[in-house]
Amino acid sequence: MGKGFAIGCAVAGFVALSLSAGAAGGDDFDRWWRPELDATAAAPENHKVLLENDEVRVLEVRIAPGTREPLHVHRYPSVIYVESSPHLIEHLQDGTVRDLGTRPAGARWLPVAQGHFLENVDSFPLRAIRIELKKAR
């Protein structure tokens, strides 16, 4: 599956989800976010900006097998299209650890949440496209 298809699926997911889910996170969108914790600043090896304007920021997200990304925060609600989904462990800013297992490829809605880092405990990389919705706040 190519990047163009993944981005197209993520955009379609964005339209459907943004119409049905609305903005998430209440009045404290920036509760966890600080510039130095932004995904592109704190984990630049894992988050590459593909497009950014006043409406959206599109990130390519990659986590190599057997690695952890640094702690980071996403400031905006998002739609993510996961192209390959290895077994992941999520570590949250408050110390909570969640075994996410493996999930099917596809689009998902991600509301604003506390900082996290993912650990890829599998033998293949995580590959995803994340569309951050700047005006959904």
N, C-alpha and C. Protein backbone atom coordinates (compact mmCIF):
# COMPACT_ATOMS: atom_id res chain seq x y z
N MET A 1 0.85 -1.17 0.00
CA MET A 1 0.00 0.00 0.00
C MET A 1 0.89 1.23 0.00
N GLY A 2 0.68 2.17 -0.92
CA GLY A 2 1.53 3.35 -1.04
C GLY A 2 1.09 4.49 -0.15
N LYS A 3 1.98 5.49 -0.06
CA LYS A 3 1.68 6.66 0.76
C LYS A 3 0.46 7.41 0.26
N GLY A 4 0.31 7.53 -1.06
CA GLY A 4 -0.84 8.25 -1.62
C GLY A 4 -2.16 7.62 -1.19
N PHE A 5 -2.21 6.31 -1.24
CA PHE A 5 -3.43 5.61 -0.81
C PHE A 5 -3.67 5.83 0.67
N ALA A 6 -2.59 5.73 1.46
CA ALA A 6 -2.72 5.90 2.92
C ALA A 6 -3.22 7.30 3.25
N ILE A 7 -2.66 8.30 2.59
CA ILE A 7 -3.09 9.67 2.85
C ILE A 7 -4.54 9.85 2.42
N GLY A 8 -4.90 9.28 1.28
CA GLY A 8 -6.29 9.38 0.82
C GLY A 8 -7.26 8.74 1.79
N CYS A 9 -6.89 7.58 2.32
CA CYS A 9 -7.75 6.92 3.31
C CYS A 9 -7.85 7.74 4.59
N ALA A 10 -6.73 8.32 5.00
CA ALA A 10 -6.74 9.13 6.22
C ALA A 10 -7.60 10.37 6.03
N VAL A 11 -7.53 11.00 4.86
CA VAL A 11 -8.36 12.17 4.60
C VAL A 11 -9.84 11.79 4.60
N ALA A 12 -10.17 10.67 3.98
CA ALA A 12 -11.56 10.21 3.99
C ALA A 12 -12.01 9.94 5.42
N GLY A 13 -11.14 9.33 6.21
CA GLY A 13 -11.46 9.08 7.61
C GLY A 13 -11.64 10.37 8.37
N PHE A 14 -10.81 11.35 8.07
CA PHE A 14 -10.93 12.67 8.70
C PHE A 14 -12.29 13.28 8.46
N VAL A 15 -12.73 13.26 7.23
CA VAL A 15 -14.02 13.87 6.91
C VAL A 15 -15.14 13.17 7.67
N ALA A 16 -15.16 11.85 7.62
CA ALA A 16 -16.22 11.11 8.29
C ALA A 16 -16.17 11.29 9.80
N LEU A 17 -14.99 11.19 10.36
CA LEU A 17 -14.88 11.28 11.81
C LEU A 17 -15.07 12.69 12.34
N SER A 18 -14.57 13.67 11.63
CA SER A 18 -14.72 15.04 12.12
C SER A 18 -16.18 15.48 12.10
N LEU A 19 -16.94 14.97 11.15
CA LEU A 19 -18.36 15.30 11.10
C LEU A 19 -19.13 14.61 12.22
N SER A 20 -18.70 13.41 12.59
CA SER A 20 -19.45 12.67 13.61
C SER A 20 -18.90 12.85 15.02
N ALA A 21 -17.60 13.07 15.17
CA ALA A 21 -17.01 13.11 16.51
C ALA A 21 -16.90 14.51 17.08
N GLY A 22 -16.75 15.51 16.24
CA GLY A 22 -16.59 16.87 16.74
C GLY A 22 -15.25 17.04 17.43
N ALA A 23 -15.03 18.18 18.04
CA ALA A 23 -13.78 18.46 18.73
C ALA A 23 -13.74 17.67 20.03
N ALA A 24 -12.52 17.28 20.40
CA ALA A 24 -12.34 16.51 21.63
C ALA A 24 -11.39 17.23 22.55
N GLY A 25 -11.51 16.96 23.83
CA GLY A 25 -10.50 17.44 24.76
C GLY A 25 -10.95 18.56 25.66
N GLY A 26 -12.15 19.10 25.50
CA GLY A 26 -12.63 20.15 26.39
C GLY A 26 -11.84 21.44 26.23
N ASP A 27 -11.75 22.20 27.33
CA ASP A 27 -11.09 23.50 27.29
C ASP A 27 -9.60 23.43 27.59
N ASP A 28 -9.07 22.27 27.91
CA ASP A 28 -7.66 22.17 28.29
C ASP A 28 -6.82 21.44 27.24
N PHE A 29 -6.94 21.88 25.99
CA PHE A 29 -6.21 21.25 24.89
C PHE A 29 -4.71 21.23 25.14
N ASP A 30 -4.20 22.30 25.74
CA ASP A 30 -2.76 22.41 25.93
C ASP A 30 -2.32 21.98 27.34
N ARG A 31 -3.15 21.23 28.00
CA ARG A 31 -2.84 20.77 29.37
C ARG A 31 -1.49 20.06 29.44
N TRP A 32 -1.18 19.21 28.48
CA TRP A 32 0.05 18.43 28.48
C TRP A 32 1.10 18.97 27.52
N TRP A 33 0.66 19.77 26.55
CA TRP A 33 1.55 20.18 25.46
C TRP A 33 2.46 21.34 25.87
N ARG A 34 3.73 21.22 25.50
CA ARG A 34 4.71 22.30 25.57
C ARG A 34 5.52 22.21 24.29
N PRO A 35 6.04 23.32 23.79
CA PRO A 35 6.77 23.27 22.50
C PRO A 35 7.85 22.19 22.44
N GLU A 36 8.58 22.01 23.52
CA GLU A 36 9.67 21.03 23.50
C GLU A 36 9.15 19.58 23.52
N LEU A 37 7.87 19.39 23.86
CA LEU A 37 7.28 18.05 23.84
C LEU A 37 6.49 17.76 22.56
N ASP A 38 6.38 18.75 21.67
CA ASP A 38 5.70 18.51 20.40
C ASP A 38 6.36 17.33 19.71
N ALA A 39 5.56 16.49 19.06
CA ALA A 39 6.07 15.26 18.44
C ALA A 39 7.24 15.53 17.49
N THR A 40 7.19 16.62 16.73
CA THR A 40 8.26 16.89 15.77
C THR A 40 9.53 17.41 16.44
N ALA A 41 9.41 17.97 17.63
CA ALA A 41 10.58 18.46 18.37
C ALA A 41 11.16 17.37 19.26
N ALA A 42 10.31 16.64 19.97
CA ALA A 42 10.77 15.64 20.93
C ALA A 42 11.13 14.30 20.27
N ALA A 43 10.46 13.98 19.18
CA ALA A 43 10.68 12.68 18.51
C ALA A 43 10.79 12.86 17.00
N PRO A 44 11.75 13.69 16.54
CA PRO A 44 11.83 13.99 15.11
C PRO A 44 12.21 12.78 14.24
N GLU A 45 12.88 11.78 14.83
CA GLU A 45 13.23 10.58 14.06
C GLU A 45 12.00 9.75 13.73
N ASN A 46 10.92 9.99 14.50
CA ASN A 46 9.70 9.20 14.34
C ASN A 46 8.55 9.96 13.69
N HIS A 47 8.65 11.29 13.60
CA HIS A 47 7.56 12.12 13.08
C HIS A 47 8.12 13.09 12.03
N LYS A 48 7.79 12.83 10.77
CA LYS A 48 8.25 13.66 9.66
C LYS A 48 7.06 14.45 9.12
N VAL A 49 7.19 15.77 9.02
CA VAL A 49 6.12 16.60 8.50
C VAL A 49 6.07 16.44 6.98
N LEU A 50 4.92 16.00 6.48
CA LEU A 50 4.71 15.87 5.04
C LEU A 50 4.02 17.10 4.47
N LEU A 51 3.17 17.74 5.28
CA LEU A 51 2.41 18.92 4.87
C LEU A 51 1.99 19.65 6.13
N GLU A 52 2.08 20.98 6.09
CA GLU A 52 1.55 21.77 7.20
C GLU A 52 1.04 23.10 6.66
N ASN A 53 -0.16 23.46 7.13
CA ASN A 53 -0.74 24.77 6.83
C ASN A 53 -1.58 25.19 8.03
N ASP A 54 -2.43 26.20 7.88
CA ASP A 54 -3.24 26.68 9.00
C ASP A 54 -4.33 25.70 9.42
N GLU A 55 -4.66 24.75 8.57
CA GLU A 55 -5.75 23.80 8.83
C GLU A 55 -5.28 22.48 9.42
N VAL A 56 -4.19 21.94 8.87
CA VAL A 56 -3.74 20.59 9.24
C VAL A 56 -2.22 20.51 9.30
N ARG A 57 -1.77 19.47 9.97
CA ARG A 57 -0.37 19.05 9.88
C ARG A 57 -0.41 17.56 9.62
N VAL A 58 0.23 17.13 8.54
CA VAL A 58 0.26 15.72 8.17
C VAL A 58 1.64 15.17 8.51
N LEU A 59 1.65 14.13 9.32
CA LEU A 59 2.91 13.53 9.77
C LEU A 59 3.03 12.10 9.27
N GLU A 60 4.22 11.74 8.84
CA GLU A 60 4.55 10.34 8.62
C GLU A 60 5.12 9.85 9.94
N VAL A 61 4.58 8.76 10.46
CA VAL A 61 5.02 8.22 11.74
C VAL A 61 5.64 6.86 11.49
N ARG A 62 6.85 6.68 12.03
CA ARG A 62 7.55 5.40 11.90
C ARG A 62 8.23 5.07 13.22
N ILE A 63 8.12 3.80 13.60
CA ILE A 63 8.85 3.31 14.78
C ILE A 63 9.47 1.98 14.38
N ALA A 64 10.79 1.95 14.39
CA ALA A 64 11.53 0.75 14.00
C ALA A 64 11.28 -0.39 14.98
N PRO A 65 11.44 -1.61 14.51
CA PRO A 65 11.25 -2.76 15.41
C PRO A 65 12.27 -2.71 16.55
N GLY A 66 11.80 -3.10 17.74
CA GLY A 66 12.67 -3.17 18.90
C GLY A 66 13.12 -1.83 19.45
N THR A 67 12.40 -0.73 19.12
CA THR A 67 12.78 0.59 19.60
C THR A 67 11.61 1.28 20.29
N ARG A 68 11.96 2.35 21.02
CA ARG A 68 10.99 3.23 21.67
C ARG A 68 11.18 4.62 21.10
N GLU A 69 10.09 5.29 20.87
CA GLU A 69 10.20 6.70 20.50
C GLU A 69 10.29 7.52 21.78
N PRO A 70 10.82 8.75 21.73
CA PRO A 70 10.86 9.60 22.93
C PRO A 70 9.46 10.08 23.34
N LEU A 71 9.32 10.43 24.61
CA LEU A 71 8.08 11.00 25.13
C LEU A 71 7.75 12.25 24.31
N HIS A 72 6.47 12.35 23.91
CA HIS A 72 6.03 13.52 23.13
C HIS A 72 4.52 13.69 23.31
N VAL A 73 4.02 14.84 22.85
CA VAL A 73 2.61 15.17 22.96
C VAL A 73 2.10 15.63 21.59
N HIS A 74 0.87 15.26 21.27
CA HIS A 74 0.20 15.74 20.07
C HIS A 74 -0.81 16.79 20.51
N ARG A 75 -0.70 17.98 19.99
CA ARG A 75 -1.49 19.13 20.44
C ARG A 75 -2.92 19.14 19.89
N TYR A 76 -3.13 18.48 18.77
CA TYR A 76 -4.42 18.56 18.07
C TYR A 76 -5.08 17.20 17.96
N PRO A 77 -6.42 17.17 17.96
CA PRO A 77 -7.09 15.90 17.63
C PRO A 77 -6.69 15.48 16.23
N SER A 78 -6.71 14.18 15.99
CA SER A 78 -6.14 13.66 14.75
C SER A 78 -6.93 12.48 14.22
N VAL A 79 -6.68 12.23 12.94
CA VAL A 79 -7.04 10.97 12.31
C VAL A 79 -5.72 10.33 11.94
N ILE A 80 -5.57 9.06 12.27
CA ILE A 80 -4.35 8.35 11.90
C ILE A 80 -4.72 7.17 11.03
N TYR A 81 -3.96 6.99 9.96
CA TYR A 81 -4.11 5.82 9.12
C TYR A 81 -2.89 4.95 9.36
N VAL A 82 -3.11 3.79 9.95
CA VAL A 82 -2.03 2.86 10.25
C VAL A 82 -1.89 1.89 9.09
N GLU A 83 -0.72 1.91 8.47
CA GLU A 83 -0.45 1.04 7.32
C GLU A 83 0.07 -0.31 7.78
N SER A 84 0.98 -0.30 8.74
CA SER A 84 1.47 -1.55 9.32
C SER A 84 1.43 -1.41 10.84
N SER A 85 0.91 -2.42 11.49
CA SER A 85 0.65 -2.31 12.93
C SER A 85 1.33 -3.44 13.70
N PRO A 86 2.56 -3.21 14.15
CA PRO A 86 3.23 -4.21 14.97
C PRO A 86 2.68 -4.22 16.39
N HIS A 87 3.16 -5.13 17.18
CA HIS A 87 2.80 -5.20 18.60
C HIS A 87 3.43 -4.00 19.30
N LEU A 88 2.57 -3.17 19.93
CA LEU A 88 3.03 -1.93 20.57
C LEU A 88 2.69 -1.92 22.05
N ILE A 89 3.58 -1.30 22.82
CA ILE A 89 3.34 -0.99 24.22
C ILE A 89 3.31 0.53 24.31
N GLU A 90 2.26 1.08 24.92
CA GLU A 90 2.14 2.53 25.07
C GLU A 90 2.47 2.91 26.51
N HIS A 91 3.36 3.89 26.65
CA HIS A 91 3.76 4.43 27.95
C HIS A 91 3.21 5.85 28.01
N LEU A 92 2.34 6.13 28.99
CA LEU A 92 1.72 7.45 29.12
C LEU A 92 2.52 8.33 30.07
N GLN A 93 2.31 9.63 29.91
CA GLN A 93 3.02 10.64 30.69
C GLN A 93 2.78 10.46 32.19
N ASP A 94 1.62 9.94 32.59
CA ASP A 94 1.32 9.76 34.01
C ASP A 94 1.88 8.46 34.58
N GLY A 95 2.64 7.71 33.77
CA GLY A 95 3.24 6.46 34.23
C GLY A 95 2.47 5.20 33.87
N THR A 96 1.26 5.36 33.36
CA THR A 96 0.46 4.21 32.94
C THR A 96 1.13 3.52 31.75
N VAL A 97 1.11 2.20 31.74
CA VAL A 97 1.63 1.41 30.62
C VAL A 97 0.50 0.52 30.13
N ARG A 98 0.29 0.55 28.80
CA ARG A 98 -0.79 -0.25 28.20
C ARG A 98 -0.22 -1.10 27.07
N ASP A 99 -0.51 -2.39 27.11
CA ASP A 99 -0.14 -3.27 26.01
C ASP A 99 -1.22 -3.15 24.94
N LEU A 100 -0.89 -2.54 23.82
CA LEU A 100 -1.86 -2.34 22.75
C LEU A 100 -1.98 -3.55 21.83
N GLY A 101 -1.07 -4.49 21.96
CA GLY A 101 -1.11 -5.65 21.09
C GLY A 101 -0.91 -5.24 19.64
N THR A 102 -1.51 -6.00 18.75
CA THR A 102 -1.50 -5.64 17.33
C THR A 102 -2.93 -5.27 16.95
N ARG A 103 -3.04 -4.33 16.06
CA ARG A 103 -4.36 -3.87 15.61
C ARG A 103 -4.40 -3.94 14.10
N PRO A 104 -5.58 -4.09 13.54
CA PRO A 104 -5.66 -4.14 12.07
C PRO A 104 -5.30 -2.78 11.47
N ALA A 105 -4.79 -2.81 10.26
CA ALA A 105 -4.51 -1.57 9.53
C ALA A 105 -5.82 -0.83 9.33
N GLY A 106 -5.73 0.50 9.23
CA GLY A 106 -6.92 1.29 8.98
C GLY A 106 -6.87 2.64 9.67
N ALA A 107 -7.96 3.40 9.55
CA ALA A 107 -8.04 4.75 10.10
C ALA A 107 -8.68 4.72 11.49
N ARG A 108 -8.20 5.62 12.35
CA ARG A 108 -8.73 5.75 13.70
C ARG A 108 -8.76 7.22 14.10
N TRP A 109 -9.67 7.57 14.99
CA TRP A 109 -9.77 8.91 15.57
C TRP A 109 -8.91 8.95 16.83
N LEU A 110 -8.12 10.02 17.00
CA LEU A 110 -7.30 10.18 18.19
C LEU A 110 -7.57 11.55 18.80
N PRO A 111 -8.24 11.62 19.93
CA PRO A 111 -8.48 12.90 20.58
C PRO A 111 -7.19 13.43 21.22
N VAL A 112 -7.22 14.67 21.65
CA VAL A 112 -6.10 15.24 22.40
C VAL A 112 -5.95 14.43 23.69
N ALA A 113 -4.72 14.09 24.03
CA ALA A 113 -4.47 13.29 25.23
C ALA A 113 -3.10 13.62 25.79
N GLN A 114 -2.82 13.05 26.94
CA GLN A 114 -1.53 13.28 27.58
C GLN A 114 -0.38 12.72 26.74
N GLY A 115 0.83 13.14 27.08
CA GLY A 115 2.01 12.68 26.37
C GLY A 115 2.18 11.17 26.47
N HIS A 116 2.92 10.64 25.51
CA HIS A 116 3.13 9.19 25.46
C HIS A 116 4.38 8.88 24.67
N PHE A 117 4.78 7.64 24.74
CA PHE A 117 5.73 7.11 23.78
C PHE A 117 5.36 5.67 23.53
N LEU A 118 5.60 5.23 22.30
CA LEU A 118 5.29 3.86 21.91
C LEU A 118 6.56 3.05 21.83
N GLU A 119 6.44 1.81 22.23
CA GLU A 119 7.53 0.86 22.14
C GLU A 119 7.11 -0.23 21.17
N ASN A 120 7.89 -0.44 20.13
CA ASN A 120 7.61 -1.46 19.14
C ASN A 120 8.33 -2.73 19.56
N VAL A 121 7.59 -3.73 20.04
CA VAL A 121 8.19 -4.97 20.52
C VAL A 121 8.09 -6.08 19.46
N ASP A 122 7.86 -5.68 18.22
CA ASP A 122 7.69 -6.64 17.14
C ASP A 122 8.93 -6.65 16.24
N SER A 123 8.85 -7.40 15.14
CA SER A 123 9.99 -7.55 14.23
C SER A 123 9.86 -6.72 12.95
N PHE A 124 8.82 -5.87 12.87
CA PHE A 124 8.65 -5.01 11.70
C PHE A 124 8.21 -3.63 12.17
N PRO A 125 8.42 -2.60 11.34
CA PRO A 125 8.17 -1.22 11.77
C PRO A 125 6.69 -0.84 11.79
N LEU A 126 6.38 0.12 12.67
CA LEU A 126 5.08 0.81 12.59
C LEU A 126 5.21 1.84 11.48
N ARG A 127 4.21 1.89 10.60
CA ARG A 127 4.14 2.92 9.56
C ARG A 127 2.73 3.48 9.57
N ALA A 128 2.65 4.82 9.69
CA ALA A 128 1.33 5.44 9.76
C ALA A 128 1.41 6.87 9.22
N ILE A 129 0.25 7.41 8.86
CA ILE A 129 0.09 8.80 8.48
C ILE A 129 -0.89 9.41 9.47
N ARG A 130 -0.47 10.48 10.13
CA ARG A 130 -1.30 11.15 11.15
C ARG A 130 -1.66 12.53 10.63
N ILE A 131 -2.96 12.83 10.59
CA ILE A 131 -3.44 14.14 10.16
C ILE A 131 -3.96 14.87 11.39
N GLU A 132 -3.22 15.88 11.83
CA GLU A 132 -3.59 16.67 12.99
C GLU A 132 -4.49 17.81 12.54
N LEU A 133 -5.64 17.95 13.18
CA LEU A 133 -6.67 18.90 12.77
C LEU A 133 -6.60 20.15 13.64
N LYS A 134 -5.90 21.15 13.15
CA LYS A 134 -5.62 22.35 13.94
C LYS A 134 -6.87 23.13 14.34
N LYS A 135 -7.90 23.10 13.54
CA LYS A 135 -9.09 23.91 13.82
C LYS A 135 -10.20 23.12 14.48
N ALA A 136 -9.92 21.88 14.87
CA ALA A 136 -10.93 21.05 15.53
C ALA A 136 -10.93 21.28 17.03
N ARG A 137 -10.18 22.25 17.48
CA ARG A 137 -10.09 22.55 18.91
C ARG A 137 -11.18 23.50 19.26
